[in-house]
Amino acid sequence: MKIRIKNKITFSEADKLIERYYDGLTSADEEKQLRSFLSQSTLPERYKPEQAIFGYFDGKKKKVQFSLRPTIRWASVAAVILASVFIAKLYLTEKQSDYAFIDGKKITNMSEIKSQALASLSDISAKNNEVEDGLKNVNNDELIKKQLDVFSGF
């Protein structure tokens, strides 16, 4: 009983396949045979260039295993932490409201704040007439000459 291995080829068959390969006439099965022949480690020196070529193509075919699972896992953990911090900040912070400090006391009643503000504005306008006096002096020629003299000295 003879057992014949399909992928084993002789040196003369390999030479014919290499010649056909360079001519572009080999089929996919013949290239597989040639690749398995050239992947042997105990070949004569004359097959080294072809081994390099097929070794190059084999290296190109190998895919690099890259997994996104750890990255996705860490990104999801970071997203959960960020969302929980945002929600905690949203619910735990005091609701912002309008307030004012008058005489050292915090007042949140808007009507009281408005009335205090209007009262202080009326006090300022009743006590000080500096703006009106300043406007009256704008047209005062003597004041303008004094100021020009002061600035011309620089």
N, C-alpha and C. Protein backbone atom coordinates (compact mmCIF):
# COMPACT_ATOMS: atom_id res chain seq x y z
N MET A 1 0.83 -1.16 0.00
CA MET A 1 0.00 0.00 0.00
C MET A 1 0.88 1.23 0.00
N LYS A 2 0.61 2.15 -0.94
CA LYS A 2 1.36 3.39 -1.07
C LYS A 2 0.55 4.55 -0.50
N ILE A 3 1.21 5.33 0.31
CA ILE A 3 0.58 6.55 0.81
C ILE A 3 1.24 7.71 0.11
N ARG A 4 0.42 8.49 -0.54
CA ARG A 4 0.96 9.61 -1.29
C ARG A 4 0.51 10.91 -0.61
N ILE A 5 1.45 11.75 -0.33
CA ILE A 5 1.15 13.03 0.28
C ILE A 5 1.02 14.05 -0.85
N LYS A 6 -0.08 14.77 -0.86
CA LYS A 6 -0.38 15.69 -1.96
C LYS A 6 0.60 16.86 -2.02
N ASN A 7 0.97 17.42 -0.90
CA ASN A 7 1.74 18.65 -0.90
C ASN A 7 3.23 18.44 -1.15
N LYS A 8 3.72 17.23 -1.10
CA LYS A 8 5.14 16.98 -1.33
C LYS A 8 5.40 16.93 -2.84
N ILE A 9 6.34 17.78 -3.24
CA ILE A 9 6.73 17.79 -4.65
C ILE A 9 8.25 17.66 -4.72
N THR A 10 8.70 17.23 -5.87
CA THR A 10 10.14 17.04 -6.06
C THR A 10 10.77 18.37 -6.47
N PHE A 11 12.12 18.35 -6.49
CA PHE A 11 12.84 19.56 -6.88
C PHE A 11 12.54 19.95 -8.32
N SER A 12 12.45 18.96 -9.21
CA SER A 12 12.18 19.28 -10.62
C SER A 12 10.77 19.83 -10.77
N GLU A 13 9.80 19.27 -10.04
CA GLU A 13 8.43 19.81 -10.10
C GLU A 13 8.40 21.22 -9.52
N ALA A 14 9.16 21.42 -8.47
CA ALA A 14 9.22 22.75 -7.86
C ALA A 14 9.83 23.75 -8.84
N ASP A 15 10.88 23.35 -9.56
CA ASP A 15 11.49 24.25 -10.55
C ASP A 15 10.49 24.62 -11.63
N LYS A 16 9.69 23.65 -12.07
CA LYS A 16 8.68 23.92 -13.10
C LYS A 16 7.61 24.87 -12.55
N LEU A 17 7.20 24.64 -11.29
CA LEU A 17 6.18 25.51 -10.70
C LEU A 17 6.71 26.93 -10.50
N ILE A 18 7.96 27.05 -10.12
CA ILE A 18 8.55 28.38 -9.95
C ILE A 18 8.59 29.11 -11.27
N GLU A 19 8.97 28.39 -12.33
CA GLU A 19 9.01 29.00 -13.65
C GLU A 19 7.60 29.42 -14.09
N ARG A 20 6.62 28.58 -13.84
CA ARG A 20 5.23 28.92 -14.19
C ARG A 20 4.73 30.10 -13.32
N TYR A 21 5.19 30.14 -12.06
CA TYR A 21 4.79 31.23 -11.17
C TYR A 21 5.31 32.56 -11.70
N TYR A 22 6.57 32.59 -12.11
CA TYR A 22 7.14 33.83 -12.65
C TYR A 22 6.49 34.23 -13.97
N ASP A 23 5.98 33.26 -14.72
CA ASP A 23 5.28 33.56 -15.96
C ASP A 23 3.82 33.94 -15.71
N GLY A 24 3.35 33.74 -14.48
CA GLY A 24 1.98 34.09 -14.13
C GLY A 24 0.98 33.06 -14.57
N LEU A 25 1.38 31.79 -14.67
CA LEU A 25 0.51 30.74 -15.17
C LEU A 25 0.06 29.75 -14.10
N THR A 26 0.41 29.97 -12.85
CA THR A 26 0.06 29.00 -11.81
C THR A 26 -1.35 29.24 -11.29
N SER A 27 -1.97 28.15 -10.87
CA SER A 27 -3.29 28.24 -10.25
C SER A 27 -3.11 28.43 -8.75
N ALA A 28 -4.22 28.63 -8.06
CA ALA A 28 -4.16 28.83 -6.61
C ALA A 28 -3.65 27.56 -5.92
N ASP A 29 -4.06 26.39 -6.39
CA ASP A 29 -3.60 25.14 -5.78
C ASP A 29 -2.10 24.94 -6.01
N GLU A 30 -1.62 25.27 -7.21
CA GLU A 30 -0.20 25.13 -7.48
C GLU A 30 0.62 26.09 -6.62
N GLU A 31 0.10 27.29 -6.38
CA GLU A 31 0.81 28.25 -5.52
C GLU A 31 0.83 27.76 -4.07
N LYS A 32 -0.24 27.08 -3.64
CA LYS A 32 -0.25 26.50 -2.30
C LYS A 32 0.82 25.42 -2.18
N GLN A 33 0.92 24.58 -3.23
CA GLN A 33 1.96 23.54 -3.22
C GLN A 33 3.34 24.17 -3.17
N LEU A 34 3.54 25.19 -3.97
CA LEU A 34 4.82 25.87 -4.02
C LEU A 34 5.13 26.55 -2.68
N ARG A 35 4.13 27.15 -2.07
CA ARG A 35 4.31 27.80 -0.77
C ARG A 35 4.68 26.78 0.30
N SER A 36 4.01 25.62 0.30
CA SER A 36 4.34 24.59 1.30
C SER A 36 5.73 24.02 1.04
N PHE A 37 6.11 23.91 -0.22
CA PHE A 37 7.45 23.42 -0.55
C PHE A 37 8.51 24.41 -0.08
N LEU A 38 8.28 25.69 -0.33
CA LEU A 38 9.27 26.71 0.03
C LEU A 38 9.28 27.03 1.52
N SER A 39 8.28 26.57 2.26
CA SER A 39 8.28 26.83 3.70
C SER A 39 9.14 25.83 4.47
N GLN A 40 9.72 24.87 3.77
CA GLN A 40 10.61 23.90 4.43
C GLN A 40 11.91 24.60 4.81
N SER A 41 12.47 24.17 5.92
CA SER A 41 13.70 24.81 6.39
C SER A 41 14.96 24.20 5.79
N THR A 42 14.86 23.01 5.22
CA THR A 42 16.05 22.32 4.69
C THR A 42 16.02 22.30 3.17
N LEU A 43 16.02 23.45 2.57
CA LEU A 43 16.05 23.53 1.11
C LEU A 43 17.43 23.97 0.65
N PRO A 44 17.79 23.60 -0.57
CA PRO A 44 19.09 24.05 -1.10
C PRO A 44 19.13 25.58 -1.23
N GLU A 45 20.33 26.09 -1.35
CA GLU A 45 20.58 27.53 -1.42
C GLU A 45 19.90 28.18 -2.62
N ARG A 46 19.69 27.46 -3.69
CA ARG A 46 19.11 28.04 -4.90
C ARG A 46 17.65 28.45 -4.72
N TYR A 47 16.97 27.96 -3.69
CA TYR A 47 15.57 28.32 -3.45
C TYR A 47 15.40 29.49 -2.46
N LYS A 48 16.49 30.06 -1.98
CA LYS A 48 16.42 31.14 -1.01
C LYS A 48 15.69 32.39 -1.54
N PRO A 49 15.92 32.81 -2.79
CA PRO A 49 15.17 33.99 -3.27
C PRO A 49 13.66 33.75 -3.30
N GLU A 50 13.26 32.57 -3.73
CA GLU A 50 11.83 32.26 -3.77
C GLU A 50 11.27 32.14 -2.35
N GLN A 51 12.07 31.59 -1.44
CA GLN A 51 11.63 31.52 -0.05
C GLN A 51 11.40 32.93 0.51
N ALA A 52 12.28 33.85 0.14
CA ALA A 52 12.14 35.23 0.61
C ALA A 52 10.88 35.86 0.04
N ILE A 53 10.60 35.60 -1.23
CA ILE A 53 9.40 36.16 -1.86
C ILE A 53 8.15 35.61 -1.19
N PHE A 54 8.08 34.29 -1.06
CA PHE A 54 6.89 33.70 -0.46
C PHE A 54 6.82 33.98 1.03
N GLY A 55 7.95 34.11 1.66
CA GLY A 55 7.95 34.50 3.07
C GLY A 55 7.42 35.90 3.24
N TYR A 56 7.76 36.78 2.29
CA TYR A 56 7.27 38.15 2.33
C TYR A 56 5.75 38.16 2.19
N PHE A 57 5.24 37.38 1.23
CA PHE A 57 3.80 37.35 1.01
C PHE A 57 3.08 36.73 2.20
N ASP A 58 3.69 35.73 2.82
CA ASP A 58 3.07 35.13 3.99
C ASP A 58 3.02 36.14 5.14
N GLY A 59 4.07 36.92 5.28
CA GLY A 59 4.09 37.94 6.32
C GLY A 59 3.04 39.00 6.07
N LYS A 60 2.79 39.32 4.81
CA LYS A 60 1.80 40.32 4.47
C LYS A 60 0.38 39.81 4.75
N LYS A 61 0.17 38.50 4.59
CA LYS A 61 -1.16 37.94 4.77
C LYS A 61 -1.54 37.85 6.23
N LYS A 62 -0.57 37.71 7.11
CA LYS A 62 -0.88 37.57 8.52
C LYS A 62 -1.48 38.87 9.04
N LYS A 63 -2.58 38.72 9.73
CA LYS A 63 -3.25 39.89 10.27
C LYS A 63 -2.84 40.08 11.71
N VAL A 64 -2.73 41.31 12.09
CA VAL A 64 -2.40 41.63 13.47
C VAL A 64 -3.68 41.58 14.27
N GLN A 65 -3.63 40.86 15.35
CA GLN A 65 -4.80 40.77 16.22
C GLN A 65 -4.86 42.04 17.07
N PHE A 66 -5.96 42.74 16.94
CA PHE A 66 -6.16 43.96 17.71
C PHE A 66 -7.56 43.92 18.28
N SER A 67 -7.64 44.14 19.54
CA SER A 67 -8.92 44.06 20.21
C SER A 67 -9.27 45.40 20.84
N LEU A 68 -10.48 45.83 20.60
CA LEU A 68 -10.95 47.08 21.18
C LEU A 68 -11.65 46.86 22.51
N ARG A 69 -11.80 45.61 22.92
CA ARG A 69 -12.55 45.32 24.13
C ARG A 69 -11.98 46.01 25.37
N PRO A 70 -10.67 45.96 25.63
CA PRO A 70 -10.18 46.68 26.82
C PRO A 70 -10.41 48.18 26.72
N THR A 71 -10.22 48.73 25.55
CA THR A 71 -10.42 50.17 25.36
C THR A 71 -11.88 50.54 25.57
N ILE A 72 -12.77 49.73 25.02
CA ILE A 72 -14.19 50.00 25.18
C ILE A 72 -14.59 49.85 26.65
N ARG A 73 -14.03 48.86 27.30
CA ARG A 73 -14.34 48.64 28.71
C ARG A 73 -13.92 49.86 29.54
N TRP A 74 -12.70 50.36 29.33
CA TRP A 74 -12.24 51.52 30.09
C TRP A 74 -13.03 52.77 29.73
N ALA A 75 -13.39 52.91 28.47
CA ALA A 75 -14.18 54.08 28.06
C ALA A 75 -15.56 54.04 28.69
N SER A 76 -16.15 52.86 28.78
CA SER A 76 -17.48 52.77 29.39
C SER A 76 -17.41 53.05 30.89
N VAL A 77 -16.35 52.59 31.55
CA VAL A 77 -16.18 52.88 32.98
C VAL A 77 -16.01 54.39 33.18
N ALA A 78 -15.22 55.01 32.33
CA ALA A 78 -15.02 56.47 32.44
C ALA A 78 -16.33 57.21 32.18
N ALA A 79 -17.12 56.75 31.24
CA ALA A 79 -18.40 57.40 30.94
C ALA A 79 -19.36 57.28 32.11
N VAL A 80 -19.38 56.11 32.76
CA VAL A 80 -20.25 55.92 33.91
C VAL A 80 -19.83 56.83 35.05
N ILE A 81 -18.54 56.92 35.30
CA ILE A 81 -18.04 57.78 36.37
C ILE A 81 -18.36 59.25 36.07
N LEU A 82 -18.13 59.66 34.85
CA LEU A 82 -18.42 61.04 34.47
C LEU A 82 -19.91 61.36 34.59
N ALA A 83 -20.76 60.43 34.16
CA ALA A 83 -22.21 60.65 34.26
C ALA A 83 -22.64 60.72 35.72
N SER A 84 -22.09 59.85 36.56
CA SER A 84 -22.48 59.87 37.97
C SER A 84 -22.01 61.16 38.66
N VAL A 85 -20.84 61.64 38.32
CA VAL A 85 -20.36 62.90 38.89
C VAL A 85 -21.26 64.06 38.44
N PHE A 86 -21.62 64.06 37.19
CA PHE A 86 -22.49 65.12 36.66
C PHE A 86 -23.86 65.10 37.34
N ILE A 87 -24.44 63.91 37.50
CA ILE A 87 -25.75 63.80 38.14
C ILE A 87 -25.66 64.20 39.60
N ALA A 88 -24.60 63.77 40.29
CA ALA A 88 -24.43 64.15 41.70
C ALA A 88 -24.28 65.66 41.83
N LYS A 89 -23.52 66.26 40.95
CA LYS A 89 -23.33 67.71 40.98
C LYS A 89 -24.65 68.42 40.72
N LEU A 90 -25.44 67.88 39.82
CA LEU A 90 -26.71 68.49 39.46
C LEU A 90 -27.69 68.46 40.63
N TYR A 91 -27.77 67.34 41.33
CA TYR A 91 -28.75 67.20 42.40
C TYR A 91 -28.25 67.69 43.76
N LEU A 92 -26.96 67.70 43.97
CA LEU A 92 -26.46 68.06 45.29
C LEU A 92 -26.13 69.54 45.45
N THR A 93 -25.99 70.25 44.36
CA THR A 93 -25.67 71.67 44.48
C THR A 93 -26.93 72.45 44.84
N GLU A 94 -26.73 73.51 45.58
CA GLU A 94 -27.85 74.36 45.98
C GLU A 94 -28.39 75.07 44.76
N LYS A 95 -29.69 75.15 44.69
CA LYS A 95 -30.31 75.82 43.55
C LYS A 95 -29.91 77.30 43.57
N GLN A 96 -29.41 77.76 42.46
CA GLN A 96 -28.99 79.15 42.39
C GLN A 96 -30.23 80.04 42.38
N SER A 97 -30.19 81.08 43.20
CA SER A 97 -31.29 82.04 43.22
C SER A 97 -30.68 83.44 43.29
N ASP A 98 -31.51 84.40 43.07
CA ASP A 98 -31.05 85.78 43.12
C ASP A 98 -31.01 86.22 44.58
N TYR A 99 -29.95 86.88 44.96
CA TYR A 99 -29.81 87.36 46.33
C TYR A 99 -28.89 88.57 46.34
N ALA A 100 -28.95 89.29 47.46
CA ALA A 100 -28.08 90.44 47.65
C ALA A 100 -27.73 90.52 49.13
N PHE A 101 -26.57 91.08 49.41
CA PHE A 101 -26.16 91.31 50.79
C PHE A 101 -26.37 92.79 51.09
N ILE A 102 -27.24 93.04 52.05
CA ILE A 102 -27.51 94.42 52.45
C ILE A 102 -27.20 94.51 53.95
N ASP A 103 -26.27 95.38 54.30
CA ASP A 103 -25.82 95.55 55.68
C ASP A 103 -25.37 94.22 56.29
N GLY A 104 -24.72 93.40 55.50
CA GLY A 104 -24.17 92.14 55.98
C GLY A 104 -25.16 90.99 56.06
N LYS A 105 -26.40 91.19 55.64
CA LYS A 105 -27.39 90.12 55.67
C LYS A 105 -27.74 89.70 54.24
N LYS A 106 -27.89 88.38 54.06
CA LYS A 106 -28.27 87.86 52.75
C LYS A 106 -29.78 87.95 52.60
N ILE A 107 -30.21 88.64 51.54
CA ILE A 107 -31.64 88.82 51.30
C ILE A 107 -31.96 88.19 49.94
N THR A 108 -32.97 87.31 49.95
CA THR A 108 -33.35 86.61 48.72
C THR A 108 -34.68 87.08 48.17
N ASN A 109 -35.39 87.89 48.91
CA ASN A 109 -36.68 88.41 48.46
C ASN A 109 -36.42 89.51 47.43
N MET A 110 -36.86 89.27 46.19
CA MET A 110 -36.56 90.20 45.10
C MET A 110 -37.24 91.55 45.28
N SER A 111 -38.42 91.57 45.80
CA SER A 111 -39.10 92.87 45.97
C SER A 111 -38.38 93.71 47.02
N GLU A 112 -37.88 93.09 48.08
CA GLU A 112 -37.13 93.82 49.09
C GLU A 112 -35.81 94.33 48.52
N ILE A 113 -35.17 93.52 47.70
CA ILE A 113 -33.90 93.93 47.07
C ILE A 113 -34.13 95.14 46.17
N LYS A 114 -35.21 95.10 45.38
CA LYS A 114 -35.50 96.22 44.47
C LYS A 114 -35.82 97.49 45.25
N SER A 115 -36.60 97.35 46.29
CA SER A 115 -36.95 98.55 47.06
C SER A 115 -35.72 99.15 47.74
N GLN A 116 -34.82 98.30 48.25
CA GLN A 116 -33.58 98.79 48.88
C GLN A 116 -32.69 99.47 47.84
N ALA A 117 -32.61 98.89 46.64
CA ALA A 117 -31.78 99.48 45.59
C ALA A 117 -32.31 100.84 45.16
N LEU A 118 -33.62 100.94 44.99
CA LEU A 118 -34.21 102.23 44.59
C LEU A 118 -34.03 103.28 45.69
N ALA A 119 -34.16 102.84 46.92
CA ALA A 119 -33.98 103.79 48.03
C ALA A 119 -32.55 104.30 48.08
N SER A 120 -31.58 103.44 47.86
CA SER A 120 -30.18 103.88 47.89
C SER A 120 -29.87 104.79 46.70
N LEU A 121 -30.48 104.54 45.55
CA LEU A 121 -30.27 105.41 44.39
C LEU A 121 -30.87 106.79 44.63
N SER A 122 -32.02 106.82 45.22
CA SER A 122 -32.64 108.13 45.48
C SER A 122 -31.85 108.90 46.53
N ASP A 123 -31.26 108.17 47.51
CA ASP A 123 -30.41 108.83 48.50
C ASP A 123 -29.18 109.45 47.85
N ILE A 124 -28.61 108.72 46.93
CA ILE A 124 -27.40 109.22 46.26
C ILE A 124 -27.72 110.45 45.44
N SER A 125 -28.81 110.39 44.67
CA SER A 125 -29.13 111.53 43.80
C SER A 125 -29.59 112.74 44.61
N ALA A 126 -30.20 112.55 45.77
CA ALA A 126 -30.65 113.68 46.58
C ALA A 126 -29.48 114.34 47.30
N LYS A 127 -28.49 113.57 47.72
CA LYS A 127 -27.39 114.13 48.49
C LYS A 127 -26.31 114.74 47.62
N ASN A 128 -26.02 114.11 46.50
CA ASN A 128 -24.90 114.59 45.67
C ASN A 128 -25.41 115.22 44.39
N ASN A 129 -24.93 116.37 44.15
CA ASN A 129 -25.22 117.04 42.89
C ASN A 129 -23.94 117.19 42.08
N GLU A 130 -23.01 116.29 42.28
CA GLU A 130 -21.72 116.38 41.62
C GLU A 130 -21.85 116.29 40.10
N VAL A 131 -22.74 115.45 39.65
CA VAL A 131 -22.91 115.29 38.20
C VAL A 131 -23.43 116.58 37.60
N GLU A 132 -24.42 117.14 38.24
CA GLU A 132 -24.98 118.39 37.73
C GLU A 132 -23.94 119.51 37.77
N ASP A 133 -23.19 119.58 38.87
CA ASP A 133 -22.15 120.60 38.98
C ASP A 133 -21.08 120.40 37.90
N GLY A 134 -20.75 119.15 37.64
CA GLY A 134 -19.75 118.85 36.61
C GLY A 134 -20.23 119.26 35.24
N LEU A 135 -21.51 119.05 34.97
CA LEU A 135 -22.06 119.45 33.68
C LEU A 135 -22.11 120.97 33.53
N LYS A 136 -22.35 121.66 34.60
CA LYS A 136 -22.37 123.13 34.55
C LYS A 136 -20.97 123.66 34.27
N ASN A 137 -19.95 122.99 34.83
CA ASN A 137 -18.59 123.47 34.67
C ASN A 137 -17.98 123.11 33.31
N VAL A 138 -18.64 122.28 32.54
CA VAL A 138 -18.10 121.90 31.23
C VAL A 138 -18.00 123.12 30.34
N ASN A 139 -18.94 123.98 30.42
CA ASN A 139 -18.93 125.17 29.58
C ASN A 139 -18.17 126.33 30.21
N ASN A 140 -17.60 126.16 31.37
CA ASN A 140 -16.86 127.20 32.07
C ASN A 140 -15.49 127.36 31.41
N ASP A 141 -15.26 128.48 30.77
CA ASP A 141 -14.02 128.72 30.04
C ASP A 141 -12.82 128.81 30.97
N GLU A 142 -13.01 129.40 32.14
CA GLU A 142 -11.91 129.56 33.09
C GLU A 142 -11.39 128.21 33.55
N LEU A 143 -12.30 127.25 33.83
CA LEU A 143 -11.91 125.91 34.26
C LEU A 143 -11.15 125.18 33.16
N ILE A 144 -11.58 125.36 31.93
CA ILE A 144 -10.92 124.72 30.79
C ILE A 144 -9.50 125.25 30.63
N LYS A 145 -9.32 126.57 30.81
CA LYS A 145 -7.98 127.15 30.68
C LYS A 145 -7.05 126.64 31.77
N LYS A 146 -7.55 126.50 33.00
CA LYS A 146 -6.73 125.99 34.10
C LYS A 146 -6.27 124.56 33.82
N GLN A 147 -7.19 123.76 33.31
CA GLN A 147 -6.83 122.36 33.03
C GLN A 147 -5.83 122.26 31.89
N LEU A 148 -5.98 123.11 30.88
CA LEU A 148 -5.01 123.10 29.78
C LEU A 148 -3.66 123.55 30.24
N ASP A 149 -3.60 124.53 31.14
CA ASP A 149 -2.31 124.98 31.69
C ASP A 149 -1.61 123.87 32.46
N VAL A 150 -2.40 123.11 33.23
CA VAL A 150 -1.84 122.00 34.02
C VAL A 150 -1.26 120.94 33.08
N PHE A 151 -1.97 120.59 32.04
CA PHE A 151 -1.50 119.54 31.14
C PHE A 151 -0.39 120.01 30.22
N SER A 152 -0.33 121.29 29.92
CA SER A 152 0.75 121.78 29.05
C SER A 152 2.08 121.81 29.78
N GLY A 153 2.05 121.76 31.11
CA GLY A 153 3.28 121.75 31.88
C GLY A 153 4.03 120.42 31.79
N PHE A 154 3.38 119.38 31.38
CA PHE A 154 4.03 118.07 31.27
C PHE A 154 4.85 118.04 30.05
